[in-house]
Amino acid sequence: MKVVRIDEVKGWEAFPGVRGRVPLTGDRVTLFYVEVEPGGVVPEHSHPHEQMGICLKGKAEFMGGGEKKIVEAGMLYYFPSNEVHSLRVIGDEPGIFLDIFSPPREEYIEKQRSIEENP
């Protein structure tokens, strides 16, 4: 078993105004904790991983599959493999999201290892 405190996991800039950290990863899944400043954007992108998550705080406009949806704290979301998607935080508070990827996001895991080994 492994237990971590999110505030003890070092973060890194994924995009301008977007900080991420990998608190846990396994053989088949990666957790990615994301903090986005008010007005911050995760630009349009896609990846071969399935992605699902929960909005823990704030509100954001998610775009994916040709649709726009408002996601608020307590709401869950899902993007299938290779679906082009993005998000923009709306309102005055940051957005905090916990994303789950399968298979694991090797590039995020490597980035996390790198910042932990070289502070």
PDB file of N, CA and C in Angstrom:
ATOM      1  N   MET A   1       0.850  -1.175   0.000  1.00  0.00           N
ATOM      2  CA  MET A   1       0.000   0.000   0.000  1.00  0.00           C
ATOM      3  C   MET A   1       0.892   1.234   0.000  1.00  0.00           C
ATOM      4  N   LYS A   2       0.377   2.295  -0.633  1.00  0.00           N
ATOM      5  CA  LYS A   2       1.062   3.581  -0.630  1.00  0.00           C
ATOM      6  C   LYS A   2       0.035   4.653  -0.318  1.00  0.00           C
ATOM      7  N   VAL A   3       0.373   5.560   0.571  1.00  0.00           N
ATOM      8  CA  VAL A   3      -0.484   6.676   0.944  1.00  0.00           C
ATOM      9  C   VAL A   3       0.350   7.945   0.838  1.00  0.00           C
ATOM     10  N   VAL A   4      -0.194   8.986   0.194  1.00  0.00           N
ATOM     11  CA  VAL A   4       0.537  10.246   0.049  1.00  0.00           C
ATOM     12  C   VAL A   4      -0.374  11.413   0.420  1.00  0.00           C
ATOM     13  N   ARG A   5       0.251  12.501   0.825  1.00  0.00           N
ATOM     14  CA  ARG A   5      -0.447  13.776   1.027  1.00  0.00           C
ATOM     15  C   ARG A   5      -0.185  14.607  -0.215  1.00  0.00           C
ATOM     16  N   ILE A   6      -1.235  15.109  -0.850  1.00  0.00           N
ATOM     17  CA  ILE A   6      -1.067  15.834  -2.102  1.00  0.00           C
ATOM     18  C   ILE A   6      -0.171  17.059  -1.932  1.00  0.00           C
ATOM     19  N   ASP A   7      -0.226  17.716  -0.777  1.00  0.00           N
ATOM     20  CA  ASP A   7       0.601  18.906  -0.581  1.00  0.00           C
ATOM     21  C   ASP A   7       2.083  18.574  -0.379  1.00  0.00           C
ATOM     22  N   GLU A   8       2.420  17.303  -0.283  1.00  0.00           N
ATOM     23  CA  GLU A   8       3.827  16.901  -0.175  1.00  0.00           C
ATOM     24  C   GLU A   8       4.402  16.409  -1.501  1.00  0.00           C
ATOM     25  N   VAL A   9       3.572  16.392  -2.551  1.00  0.00           N
ATOM     26  CA  VAL A   9       4.019  15.977  -3.883  1.00  0.00           C
ATOM     27  C   VAL A   9       4.375  17.234  -4.655  1.00  0.00           C
ATOM     28  N   LYS A  10       5.608  17.297  -5.163  1.00  0.00           N
ATOM     29  CA  LYS A  10       6.060  18.475  -5.899  1.00  0.00           C
ATOM     30  C   LYS A  10       5.293  18.624  -7.204  1.00  0.00           C
ATOM     31  N   GLY A  11       4.978  19.880  -7.535  1.00  0.00           N
ATOM     32  CA  GLY A  11       4.273  20.170  -8.774  1.00  0.00           C
ATOM     33  C   GLY A  11       5.201  20.738  -9.832  1.00  0.00           C
ATOM     34  N   TRP A  12       4.710  20.778 -11.062  1.00  0.00           N
ATOM     35  CA  TRP A  12       5.469  21.315 -12.191  1.00  0.00           C
ATOM     36  C   TRP A  12       4.506  21.938 -13.193  1.00  0.00           C
ATOM     37  N   GLU A  13       5.015  22.873 -13.994  1.00  0.00           N
ATOM     38  CA  GLU A  13       4.180  23.570 -14.958  1.00  0.00           C
ATOM     39  C   GLU A  13       3.946  22.699 -16.184  1.00  0.00           C
ATOM     40  N   ALA A  14       2.677  22.329 -16.404  1.00  0.00           N
ATOM     41  CA  ALA A  14       2.315  21.527 -17.572  1.00  0.00           C
ATOM     42  C   ALA A  14       2.084  22.438 -18.779  1.00  0.00           C
ATOM     43  N   PHE A  15       1.449  23.582 -18.541  1.00  0.00           N
ATOM     44  CA  PHE A  15       1.210  24.647 -19.518  1.00  0.00           C
ATOM     45  C   PHE A  15       1.262  25.948 -18.732  1.00  0.00           C
ATOM     46  N   PRO A  16       1.398  27.110 -19.384  1.00  0.00           N
ATOM     47  CA  PRO A  16       1.362  28.365 -18.621  1.00  0.00           C
ATOM     48  C   PRO A  16       0.075  28.467 -17.797  1.00  0.00           C
ATOM     49  N   GLY A  17       0.227  28.713 -16.494  1.00  0.00           N
ATOM     50  CA  GLY A  17      -0.923  28.821 -15.607  1.00  0.00           C
ATOM     51  C   GLY A  17      -1.545  27.503 -15.196  1.00  0.00           C
ATOM     52  N   VAL A  18      -0.891  26.396 -15.562  1.00  0.00           N
ATOM     53  CA  VAL A  18      -1.413  25.056 -15.263  1.00  0.00           C
ATOM     54  C   VAL A  18      -0.311  24.246 -14.592  1.00  0.00           C
ATOM     55  N   ARG A  19      -0.541  23.863 -13.339  1.00  0.00           N
ATOM     56  CA  ARG A  19       0.435  23.056 -12.605  1.00  0.00           C
ATOM     57  C   ARG A  19      -0.115  21.663 -12.396  1.00  0.00           C
ATOM     58  N   GLY A  20       0.739  20.669 -12.572  1.00  0.00           N
ATOM     59  CA  GLY A  20       0.328  19.291 -12.396  1.00  0.00           C
ATOM     60  C   GLY A  20       1.289  18.543 -11.498  1.00  0.00           C
ATOM     61  N   ARG A  21       0.824  17.418 -11.010  1.00  0.00           N
ATOM     62  CA  ARG A  21       1.668  16.507 -10.237  1.00  0.00           C
ATOM     63  C   ARG A  21       1.073  15.115 -10.315  1.00  0.00           C
ATOM     64  N   VAL A  22       1.943  14.134 -10.254  1.00  0.00           N
ATOM     65  CA  VAL A  22       1.525  12.733 -10.284  1.00  0.00           C
ATOM     66  C   VAL A  22       1.675  12.189  -8.868  1.00  0.00           C
ATOM     67  N   PRO A  23       0.579  12.168  -8.093  1.00  0.00           N
ATOM     68  CA  PRO A  23       0.698  11.680  -6.720  1.00  0.00           C
ATOM     69  C   PRO A  23       0.823  10.163  -6.639  1.00  0.00           C
ATOM     70  N   LEU A  24       0.194   9.447  -7.581  1.00  0.00           N
ATOM     71  CA  LEU A  24       0.243   7.985  -7.587  1.00  0.00           C
ATOM     72  C   LEU A  24       0.187   7.479  -9.023  1.00  0.00           C
ATOM     73  N   THR A  25       0.851   6.364  -9.253  1.00  0.00           N
ATOM     74  CA  THR A  25       0.747   5.678 -10.537  1.00  0.00           C
ATOM     75  C   THR A  25       0.896   4.191 -10.280  1.00  0.00           C
ATOM     76  N   GLY A  26       0.321   3.407 -11.177  1.00  0.00           N
ATOM     77  CA  GLY A  26       0.401   1.959 -11.049  1.00  0.00           C
ATOM     78  C   GLY A  26       0.726   1.331 -12.389  1.00  0.00           C
ATOM     79  N   ASP A  27       0.530   0.041 -12.493  1.00  0.00           N
ATOM     80  CA  ASP A  27       0.816  -0.667 -13.734  1.00  0.00           C
ATOM     81  C   ASP A  27      -0.156  -0.303 -14.850  1.00  0.00           C
ATOM     82  N   ARG A  28      -1.379   0.104 -14.498  1.00  0.00           N
ATOM     83  CA  ARG A  28      -2.405   0.329 -15.518  1.00  0.00           C
ATOM     84  C   ARG A  28      -3.073   1.692 -15.460  1.00  0.00           C
ATOM     85  N   VAL A  29      -2.726   2.517 -14.465  1.00  0.00           N
ATOM     86  CA  VAL A  29      -3.423   3.794 -14.296  1.00  0.00           C
ATOM     87  C   VAL A  29      -2.483   4.829 -13.671  1.00  0.00           C
ATOM     88  N   THR A  30      -2.682   6.102 -14.048  1.00  0.00           N
ATOM     89  CA  THR A  30      -1.951   7.223 -13.464  1.00  0.00           C
ATOM     90  C   THR A  30      -2.951   8.247 -12.962  1.00  0.00           C
ATOM     91  N   LEU A  31      -2.728   8.748 -11.739  1.00  0.00           N
ATOM     92  CA  LEU A  31      -3.488   9.878 -11.220  1.00  0.00           C
ATOM     93  C   LEU A  31      -2.682  11.144 -11.488  1.00  0.00           C
ATOM     94  N   PHE A  32      -3.370  12.188 -11.977  1.00  0.00           N
ATOM     95  CA  PHE A  32      -2.721  13.463 -12.281  1.00  0.00           C
ATOM     96  C   PHE A  32      -3.553  14.560 -11.631  1.00  0.00           C
ATOM     97  N   TYR A  33      -2.971  15.244 -10.654  1.00  0.00           N
ATOM     98  CA  TYR A  33      -3.635  16.320  -9.915  1.00  0.00           C
ATOM     99  C   TYR A  33      -3.278  17.627 -10.607  1.00  0.00           C
ATOM    100  N   VAL A  34      -4.289  18.381 -11.029  1.00  0.00           N
ATOM    101  CA  VAL A  34      -4.072  19.564 -11.865  1.00  0.00           C
ATOM    102  C   VAL A  34      -4.691  20.796 -11.212  1.00  0.00           C
ATOM    103  N   GLU A  35      -3.900  21.875 -11.132  1.00  0.00           N
ATOM    104  CA  GLU A  35      -4.377  23.154 -10.635  1.00  0.00           C
ATOM    105  C   GLU A  35      -4.261  24.173 -11.765  1.00  0.00           C
ATOM    106  N   VAL A  36      -5.371  24.830 -12.082  1.00  0.00           N
ATOM    107  CA  VAL A  36      -5.404  25.789 -13.183  1.00  0.00           C
ATOM    108  C   VAL A  36      -5.847  27.137 -12.630  1.00  0.00           C
ATOM    109  N   GLU A  37      -5.042  28.166 -12.882  1.00  0.00           N
ATOM    110  CA  GLU A  37      -5.381  29.493 -12.368  1.00  0.00           C
ATOM    111  C   GLU A  37      -6.638  30.035 -13.055  1.00  0.00           C
ATOM    112  N   PRO A  38      -7.319  31.005 -12.425  1.00  0.00           N
ATOM    113  CA  PRO A  38      -8.503  31.583 -13.057  1.00  0.00           C
ATOM    114  C   PRO A  38      -8.169  32.071 -14.475  1.00  0.00           C
ATOM    115  N   GLY A  39      -8.996  31.714 -15.428  1.00  0.00           N
ATOM    116  CA  GLY A  39      -8.761  32.076 -16.823  1.00  0.00           C
ATOM    117  C   GLY A  39      -7.745  31.198 -17.526  1.00  0.00           C
ATOM    118  N   GLY A  40      -7.128  30.277 -16.796  1.00  0.00           N
ATOM    119  CA  GLY A  40      -6.112  29.393 -17.368  1.00  0.00           C
ATOM    120  C   GLY A  40      -6.700  28.410 -18.364  1.00  0.00           C
ATOM    121  N   VAL A  41      -5.852  27.994 -19.295  1.00  0.00           N
ATOM    122  CA  VAL A  41      -6.291  27.136 -20.390  1.00  0.00           C
ATOM    123  C   VAL A  41      -5.376  25.923 -20.515  1.00  0.00           C
ATOM    124  N   VAL A  42      -5.984  24.757 -20.668  1.00  0.00           N
ATOM    125  CA  VAL A  42      -5.274  23.570 -21.149  1.00  0.00           C
ATOM    126  C   VAL A  42      -5.614  23.517 -22.635  1.00  0.00           C
ATOM    127  N   PRO A  43      -4.621  23.771 -23.501  1.00  0.00           N
ATOM    128  CA  PRO A  43      -4.919  23.881 -24.924  1.00  0.00           C
ATOM    129  C   PRO A  43      -5.413  22.572 -25.541  1.00  0.00           C
ATOM    130  N   GLU A  44      -6.042  22.719 -26.695  1.00  0.00           N
ATOM    131  CA  GLU A  44      -6.573  21.573 -27.423  1.00  0.00           C
ATOM    132  C   GLU A  44      -5.460  20.554 -27.675  1.00  0.00           C
ATOM    133  N   HIS A  45      -5.757  19.292 -27.385  1.00  0.00           N
ATOM    134  CA  HIS A  45      -4.778  18.220 -27.553  1.00  0.00           C
ATOM    135  C   HIS A  45      -5.514  16.881 -27.572  1.00  0.00           C
ATOM    136  N   SER A  46      -4.793  15.833 -27.862  1.00  0.00           N
ATOM    137  CA  SER A  46      -5.332  14.474 -27.770  1.00  0.00           C
ATOM    138  C   SER A  46      -4.189  13.546 -27.390  1.00  0.00           C
ATOM    139  N   HIS A  47      -4.533  12.354 -26.953  1.00  0.00           N
ATOM    140  CA  HIS A  47      -3.546  11.352 -26.563  1.00  0.00           C
ATOM    141  C   HIS A  47      -4.217   9.980 -26.641  1.00  0.00           C
ATOM    142  N   PRO A  48      -3.422   8.928 -26.720  1.00  0.00           N
ATOM    143  CA  PRO A  48      -4.006   7.583 -26.848  1.00  0.00           C
ATOM    144  C   PRO A  48      -4.606   7.041 -25.547  1.00  0.00           C
ATOM    145  N   HIS A  49      -4.434   7.762 -24.444  1.00  0.00           N
ATOM    146  CA  HIS A  49      -4.926   7.317 -23.140  1.00  0.00           C
ATOM    147  C   HIS A  49      -6.400   7.659 -22.965  1.00  0.00           C
ATOM    148  N   GLU A  50      -7.152   6.764 -22.318  1.00  0.00           N
ATOM    149  CA  GLU A  50      -8.468   7.142 -21.831  1.00  0.00           C
ATOM    150  C   GLU A  50      -8.233   8.088 -20.657  1.00  0.00           C
ATOM    151  N   GLN A  51      -9.116   9.074 -20.517  1.00  0.00           N
ATOM    152  CA  GLN A  51      -8.988  10.037 -19.425  1.00  0.00           C
ATOM    153  C   GLN A  51     -10.343  10.256 -18.791  1.00  0.00           C
ATOM    154  N   MET A  52     -10.370  10.178 -17.480  1.00  0.00           N
ATOM    155  CA  MET A  52     -11.564  10.544 -16.741  1.00  0.00           C
ATOM    156  C   MET A  52     -11.117  11.273 -15.498  1.00  0.00           C
ATOM    157  N   GLY A  53     -12.023  12.003 -14.887  1.00  0.00           N
ATOM    158  CA  GLY A  53     -11.618  12.737 -13.700  1.00  0.00           C
ATOM    159  C   GLY A  53     -12.787  13.372 -12.997  1.00  0.00           C
ATOM    160  N   ILE A  54     -12.426  14.145 -11.972  1.00  0.00           N
ATOM    161  CA  ILE A  54     -13.403  14.868 -11.173  1.00  0.00           C
ATOM    162  C   ILE A  54     -12.896  16.284 -10.957  1.00  0.00           C
ATOM    163  N   CYS A  55     -13.809  17.229 -11.028  1.00  0.00           N
ATOM    164  CA  CYS A  55     -13.500  18.610 -10.674  1.00  0.00           C
ATOM    165  C   CYS A  55     -13.643  18.715  -9.159  1.00  0.00           C
ATOM    166  N   LEU A  56     -12.557  19.068  -8.486  1.00  0.00           N
ATOM    167  CA  LEU A  56     -12.566  19.177  -7.029  1.00  0.00           C
ATOM    168  C   LEU A  56     -12.906  20.579  -6.555  1.00  0.00           C
ATOM    169  N   LYS A  57     -12.596  21.585  -7.409  1.00  0.00           N
ATOM    170  CA  LYS A  57     -12.833  22.979  -7.032  1.00  0.00           C
ATOM    171  C   LYS A  57     -12.948  23.814  -8.294  1.00  0.00           C
ATOM    172  N   GLY A  58     -13.782  24.842  -8.253  1.00  0.00           N
ATOM    173  CA  GLY A  58     -13.875  25.776  -9.357  1.00  0.00           C
ATOM    174  C   GLY A  58     -14.861  25.351 -10.424  1.00  0.00           C
ATOM    175  N   LYS A  59     -14.706  26.000 -11.585  1.00  0.00           N
ATOM    176  CA  LYS A  59     -15.614  25.776 -12.707  1.00  0.00           C
ATOM    177  C   LYS A  59     -14.814  25.954 -13.988  1.00  0.00           C
ATOM    178  N   ALA A  60     -15.090  25.107 -14.980  1.00  0.00           N
ATOM    179  CA  ALA A  60     -14.362  25.187 -16.249  1.00  0.00           C
ATOM    180  C   ALA A  60     -15.273  24.834 -17.403  1.00  0.00           C
ATOM    181  N   GLU A  61     -14.944  25.390 -18.550  1.00  0.00           N
ATOM    182  CA  GLU A  61     -15.601  25.016 -19.796  1.00  0.00           C
ATOM    183  C   GLU A  61     -14.729  23.959 -20.452  1.00  0.00           C
ATOM    184  N   PHE A  62     -15.277  22.760 -20.585  1.00  0.00           N
ATOM    185  CA  PHE A  62     -14.580  21.654 -21.230  1.00  0.00           C
ATOM    186  C   PHE A  62     -15.064  21.565 -22.671  1.00  0.00           C
ATOM    187  N   MET A  63     -14.156  21.322 -23.592  1.00  0.00           N
ATOM    188  CA  MET A  63     -14.490  21.092 -24.981  1.00  0.00           C
ATOM    189  C   MET A  63     -13.984  19.713 -25.365  1.00  0.00           C
ATOM    190  N   GLY A  64     -14.833  18.939 -26.009  1.00  0.00           N
ATOM    191  CA  GLY A  64     -14.437  17.609 -26.448  1.00  0.00           C
ATOM    192  C   GLY A  64     -15.530  16.984 -27.282  1.00  0.00           C
ATOM    193  N   GLY A  65     -15.149  16.236 -28.289  1.00  0.00           N
ATOM    194  CA  GLY A  65     -16.131  15.561 -29.124  1.00  0.00           C
ATOM    195  C   GLY A  65     -17.091  16.516 -29.805  1.00  0.00           C
ATOM    196  N   GLY A  66     -16.619  17.729 -30.105  1.00  0.00           N
ATOM    197  CA  GLY A  66     -17.464  18.709 -30.770  1.00  0.00           C
ATOM    198  C   GLY A  66     -18.470  19.395 -29.852  1.00  0.00           C
ATOM    199  N   GLU A  67     -18.361  19.179 -28.539  1.00  0.00           N
ATOM    200  CA  GLU A  67     -19.292  19.768 -27.577  1.00  0.00           C
ATOM    201  C   GLU A  67     -18.553  20.632 -26.565  1.00  0.00           C
ATOM    202  N   LYS A  68     -19.285  21.584 -25.973  1.00  0.00           N
ATOM    203  CA  LYS A  68     -18.793  22.374 -24.849  1.00  0.00           C
ATOM    204  C   LYS A  68     -19.701  22.080 -23.665  1.00  0.00           C
ATOM    205  N   LYS A  69     -19.075  21.855 -22.507  1.00  0.00           N
ATOM    206  CA  LYS A  69     -19.844  21.581 -21.284  1.00  0.00           C
ATOM    207  C   LYS A  69     -19.203  22.345 -20.133  1.00  0.00           C
ATOM    208  N   ILE A  70     -20.025  22.849 -19.243  1.00  0.00           N
ATOM    209  CA  ILE A  70     -19.536  23.471 -18.017  1.00  0.00           C
ATOM    210  C   ILE A  70     -19.412  22.380 -16.960  1.00  0.00           C
ATOM    211  N   VAL A  71     -18.236  22.310 -16.350  1.00  0.00           N
ATOM    212  CA  VAL A  71     -17.954  21.321 -15.311  1.00  0.00           C
ATOM    213  C   VAL A  71     -17.623  22.083 -14.029  1.00  0.00           C
ATOM    214  N   GLU A  72     -18.306  21.726 -12.940  1.00  0.00           N
ATOM    215  CA  GLU A  72     -18.104  22.372 -11.652  1.00  0.00           C
ATOM    216  C   GLU A  72     -17.684  21.342 -10.614  1.00  0.00           C
ATOM    217  N   ALA A  73     -17.271  21.850  -9.446  1.00  0.00           N
ATOM    218  CA  ALA A  73     -16.846  20.978  -8.349  1.00  0.00           C
ATOM    219  C   ALA A  73     -17.880  19.887  -8.113  1.00  0.00           C
ATOM    220  N   GLY A  74     -17.409  18.654  -8.021  1.00  0.00           N
ATOM    221  CA  GLY A  74     -18.262  17.504  -7.778  1.00  0.00           C
ATOM    222  C   GLY A  74     -18.697  16.789  -9.048  1.00  0.00           C
ATOM    223  N   MET A  75     -18.415  17.381 -10.208  1.00  0.00           N
ATOM    224  CA  MET A  75     -18.807  16.750 -11.469  1.00  0.00           C
ATOM    225  C   MET A  75     -17.660  15.910 -12.025  1.00  0.00           C
ATOM    226  N   LEU A  76     -18.011  14.855 -12.729  1.00  0.00           N
ATOM    227  CA  LEU A  76     -17.059  13.921 -13.325  1.00  0.00           C
ATOM    228  C   LEU A  76     -17.062  14.076 -14.842  1.00  0.00           C
ATOM    229  N   TYR A  77     -15.973  13.690 -15.493  1.00  0.00           N
ATOM    230  CA  TYR A  77     -15.876  13.795 -16.947  1.00  0.00           C
ATOM    231  C   TYR A  77     -15.062  12.634 -17.502  1.00  0.00           C
ATOM    232  N   TYR A  78     -15.213  12.415 -18.811  1.00  0.00           N
ATOM    233  CA  TYR A  78     -14.530  11.313 -19.495  1.00  0.00           C
ATOM    234  C   TYR A  78     -14.206  11.723 -20.930  1.00  0.00           C
ATOM    235  N   PHE A  79     -12.987  11.407 -21.368  1.00  0.00           N
ATOM    236  CA  PHE A  79     -12.573  11.575 -22.758  1.00  0.00           C
ATOM    237  C   PHE A  79     -12.036  10.240 -23.249  1.00  0.00           C
ATOM    238  N   PRO A  80     -12.612   9.698 -24.319  1.00  0.00           N
ATOM    239  CA  PRO A  80     -12.074   8.448 -24.857  1.00  0.00           C
ATOM    240  C   PRO A  80     -10.711   8.666 -25.512  1.00  0.00           C
ATOM    241  N   SER A  81     -10.011   7.603 -25.768  1.00  0.00           N
ATOM    242  CA  SER A  81      -8.706   7.654 -26.435  1.00  0.00           C
ATOM    243  C   SER A  81      -8.796   8.490 -27.703  1.00  0.00           C
ATOM    244  N   ASN A  82      -7.792   9.337 -27.896  1.00  0.00           N
ATOM    245  CA  ASN A  82      -7.597  10.144 -29.111  1.00  0.00           C
ATOM    246  C   ASN A  82      -8.648  11.217 -29.357  1.00  0.00           C
ATOM    247  N   GLU A  83      -9.557  11.458 -28.429  1.00  0.00           N
ATOM    248  CA  GLU A  83     -10.519  12.542 -28.621  1.00  0.00           C
ATOM    249  C   GLU A  83      -9.830  13.883 -28.357  1.00  0.00           C
ATOM    250  N   VAL A  84      -9.967  14.816 -29.284  1.00  0.00           N
ATOM    251  CA  VAL A  84      -9.404  16.153 -29.115  1.00  0.00           C
ATOM    252  C   VAL A  84     -10.223  16.879 -28.051  1.00  0.00           C
ATOM    253  N   HIS A  85      -9.526  17.484 -27.059  1.00  0.00           N
ATOM    254  CA  HIS A  85     -10.216  18.160 -25.967  1.00  0.00           C
ATOM    255  C   HIS A  85      -9.364  19.287 -25.394  1.00  0.00           C
ATOM    256  N   SER A  86     -10.021  20.151 -24.627  1.00  0.00           N
ATOM    257  CA  SER A  86      -9.346  21.276 -23.970  1.00  0.00           C
ATOM    258  C   SER A  86     -10.233  21.749 -22.826  1.00  0.00           C
ATOM    259  N   LEU A  87      -9.696  22.704 -22.041  1.00  0.00           N
ATOM    260  CA  LEU A  87     -10.525  23.311 -21.003  1.00  0.00           C
ATOM    261  C   LEU A  87     -10.056  24.715 -20.722  1.00  0.00           C
ATOM    262  N   ARG A  88     -10.974  25.520 -20.210  1.00  0.00           N
ATOM    263  CA  ARG A  88     -10.687  26.890 -19.786  1.00  0.00           C
ATOM    264  C   ARG A  88     -11.409  27.115 -18.464  1.00  0.00           C
ATOM    265  N   VAL A  89     -10.658  27.514 -17.442  1.00  0.00           N
ATOM    266  CA  VAL A  89     -11.261  27.793 -16.139  1.00  0.00           C
ATOM    267  C   VAL A  89     -12.003  29.121 -16.226  1.00  0.00           C
ATOM    268  N   ILE A  90     -13.228  29.126 -15.737  1.00  0.00           N
ATOM    269  CA  ILE A  90     -14.039  30.341 -15.742  1.00  0.00           C
ATOM    270  C   ILE A  90     -14.339  30.735 -14.298  1.00  0.00           C
ATOM    271  N   GLY A  91     -14.542  32.009 -14.076  1.00  0.00           N
ATOM    272  CA  GLY A  91     -14.791  32.495 -12.725  1.00  0.00           C
ATOM    273  C   GLY A  91     -13.512  32.997 -12.086  1.00  0.00           C
ATOM    274  N   ASP A  92     -13.634  33.364 -10.810  1.00  0.00           N
ATOM    275  CA  ASP A  92     -12.530  34.003 -10.090  1.00  0.00           C
ATOM    276  C   ASP A  92     -11.678  33.061  -9.258  1.00  0.00           C
ATOM    277  N   GLU A  93     -12.037  31.800  -9.187  1.00  0.00           N
ATOM    278  CA  GLU A  93     -11.230  30.883  -8.383  1.00  0.00           C
ATOM    279  C   GLU A  93     -10.524  29.870  -9.274  1.00  0.00           C
ATOM    280  N   PRO A  94      -9.415  29.334  -8.796  1.00  0.00           N
ATOM    281  CA  PRO A  94      -8.711  28.324  -9.589  1.00  0.00           C
ATOM    282  C   PRO A  94      -9.551  27.065  -9.757  1.00  0.00           C
ATOM    283  N   GLY A  95      -9.238  26.310 -10.775  1.00  0.00           N
ATOM    284  CA  GLY A  95      -9.842  25.007 -10.967  1.00  0.00           C
ATOM    285  C   GLY A  95      -8.881  23.935 -10.487  1.00  0.00           C
ATOM    286  N   ILE A  96      -9.391  22.966  -9.759  1.00  0.00           N
ATOM    287  CA  ILE A  96      -8.572  21.841  -9.311  1.00  0.00           C
ATOM    288  C   ILE A  96      -9.258  20.564  -9.784  1.00  0.00           C
ATOM    289  N   PHE A  97      -8.484  19.709 -10.447  1.00  0.00           N
ATOM    290  CA  PHE A  97      -9.017  18.508 -11.076  1.00  0.00           C
ATOM    291  C   PHE A  97      -8.127  17.317 -10.733  1.00  0.00           C
ATOM    292  N   LEU A  98      -8.736  16.168 -10.594  1.00  0.00           N
ATOM    293  CA  LEU A  98      -7.989  14.927 -10.438  1.00  0.00           C
ATOM    294  C   LEU A  98      -8.302  14.076 -11.657  1.00  0.00           C
ATOM    295  N   ASP A  99      -7.298  13.928 -12.538  1.00  0.00           N
ATOM    296  CA  ASP A  99      -7.443  13.144 -13.756  1.00  0.00           C
ATOM    297  C   ASP A  99      -6.902  11.743 -13.552  1.00  0.00           C
ATOM    298  N   ILE A 100      -7.527  10.802 -14.220  1.00  0.00           N
ATOM    299  CA  ILE A 100      -7.125   9.404 -14.177  1.00  0.00           C
ATOM    300  C   ILE A 100      -6.885   8.968 -15.616  1.00  0.00           C
ATOM    301  N   PHE A 101      -5.693   8.442 -15.876  1.00  0.00           N
ATOM    302  CA  PHE A 101      -5.322   8.023 -17.223  1.00  0.00           C
ATOM    303  C   PHE A 101      -5.031   6.535 -17.263  1.00  0.00           C
ATOM    304  N   SER A 102      -5.478   5.901 -18.342  1.00  0.00           N
ATOM    305  CA  SER A 102      -5.132   4.510 -18.593  1.00  0.00           C
ATOM    306  C   SER A 102      -4.902   4.342 -20.089  1.00  0.00           C
ATOM    307  N   PRO A 103      -3.790   3.753 -20.505  1.00  0.00           N
ATOM    308  CA  PRO A 103      -2.679   3.292 -19.683  1.00  0.00           C
ATOM    309  C   PRO A 103      -1.949   4.465 -19.038  1.00  0.00           C
ATOM    310  N   PRO A 104      -0.971   4.192 -18.177  1.00  0.00           N
ATOM    311  CA  PRO A 104      -0.242   5.253 -17.489  1.00  0.00           C
ATOM    312  C   PRO A 104       0.381   6.267 -18.459  1.00  0.00           C
ATOM    313  N   ARG A 105       0.442   7.529 -18.009  1.00  0.00           N
ATOM    314  CA  ARG A 105       1.061   8.602 -18.787  1.00  0.00           C
ATOM    315  C   ARG A 105       2.554   8.613 -18.493  1.00  0.00           C
ATOM    316  N   GLU A 106       3.289   7.864 -19.284  1.00  0.00           N
ATOM    317  CA  GLU A 106       4.728   7.705 -19.047  1.00  0.00           C
ATOM    318  C   GLU A 106       5.475   9.036 -19.025  1.00  0.00           C
ATOM    319  N   GLU A 107       5.089   9.987 -19.904  1.00  0.00           N
ATOM    320  CA  GLU A 107       5.802  11.272 -19.932  1.00  0.00           C
ATOM    321  C   GLU A 107       5.551  12.068 -18.650  1.00  0.00           C
ATOM    322  N   TYR A 108       4.356  11.955 -18.059  1.00  0.00           N
ATOM    323  CA  TYR A 108       4.074  12.633 -16.796  1.00  0.00           C
ATOM    324  C   TYR A 108       4.828  11.955 -15.647  1.00  0.00           C
ATOM    325  N   ILE A 109       4.875  10.641 -15.668  1.00  0.00           N
ATOM    326  CA  ILE A 109       5.590   9.901 -14.632  1.00  0.00           C
ATOM    327  C   ILE A 109       7.073  10.266 -14.665  1.00  0.00           C
ATOM    328  N   GLU A 110       7.651  10.334 -15.857  1.00  0.00           N
ATOM    329  CA  GLU A 110       9.067  10.691 -16.001  1.00  0.00           C
ATOM    330  C   GLU A 110       9.318  12.117 -15.535  1.00  0.00           C
ATOM    331  N   LYS A 111       8.444  13.049 -15.877  1.00  0.00           N
ATOM    332  CA  LYS A 111       8.585  14.440 -15.431  1.00  0.00           C
ATOM    333  C   LYS A 111       8.534  14.511 -13.912  1.00  0.00           C
ATOM    334  N   GLN A 112       7.613  13.775 -13.291  1.00  0.00           N
ATOM    335  CA  GLN A 112       7.498  13.766 -11.837  1.00  0.00           C
ATOM    336  C   GLN A 112       8.768  13.211 -11.199  1.00  0.00           C
ATOM    337  N   ARG A 113       9.266  12.108 -11.729  1.00  0.00           N
ATOM    338  CA  ARG A 113      10.525  11.537 -11.207  1.00  0.00           C
ATOM    339  C   ARG A 113      11.657  12.547 -11.302  1.00  0.00           C
ATOM    340  N   SER A 114      11.725  13.228 -12.427  1.00  0.00           N
ATOM    341  CA  SER A 114      12.794  14.188 -12.677  1.00  0.00           C
ATOM    342  C   SER A 114      12.774  15.324 -11.660  1.00  0.00           C
ATOM    343  N   ILE A 115      11.602  15.900 -11.371  1.00  0.00           N
ATOM    344  CA  ILE A 115      11.577  17.011 -10.427  1.00  0.00           C
ATOM    345  C   ILE A 115      11.804  16.546  -8.985  1.00  0.00           C
ATOM    346  N   GLU A 116      11.451  15.325  -8.682  1.00  0.00           N
ATOM    347  CA  GLU A 116      11.699  14.807  -7.335  1.00  0.00           C
ATOM    348  C   GLU A 116      13.170  14.494  -7.124  1.00  0.00           C
ATOM    349  N   GLU A 117      13.848  14.058  -8.183  1.00  0.00           N
ATOM    350  CA  GLU A 117      15.275  13.733  -8.084  1.00  0.00           C
ATOM    351  C   GLU A 117      16.154  14.969  -8.199  1.00  0.00           C
ATOM    352  N   ASN A 118      15.670  16.014  -8.885  1.00  0.00           N
ATOM    353  CA  ASN A 118      16.450  17.230  -9.123  1.00  0.00           C
ATOM    354  C   ASN A 118      15.633  18.470  -8.739  1.00  0.00           C
ATOM    355  N   PRO A 119      15.497  18.725  -7.453  1.00  0.00           N
ATOM    356  CA  PRO A 119      14.635  19.843  -7.016  1.00  0.00           C
ATOM    357  C   PRO A 119      15.060  21.186  -7.466  1.00  0.00           C
TER     358      PRO A 119
END
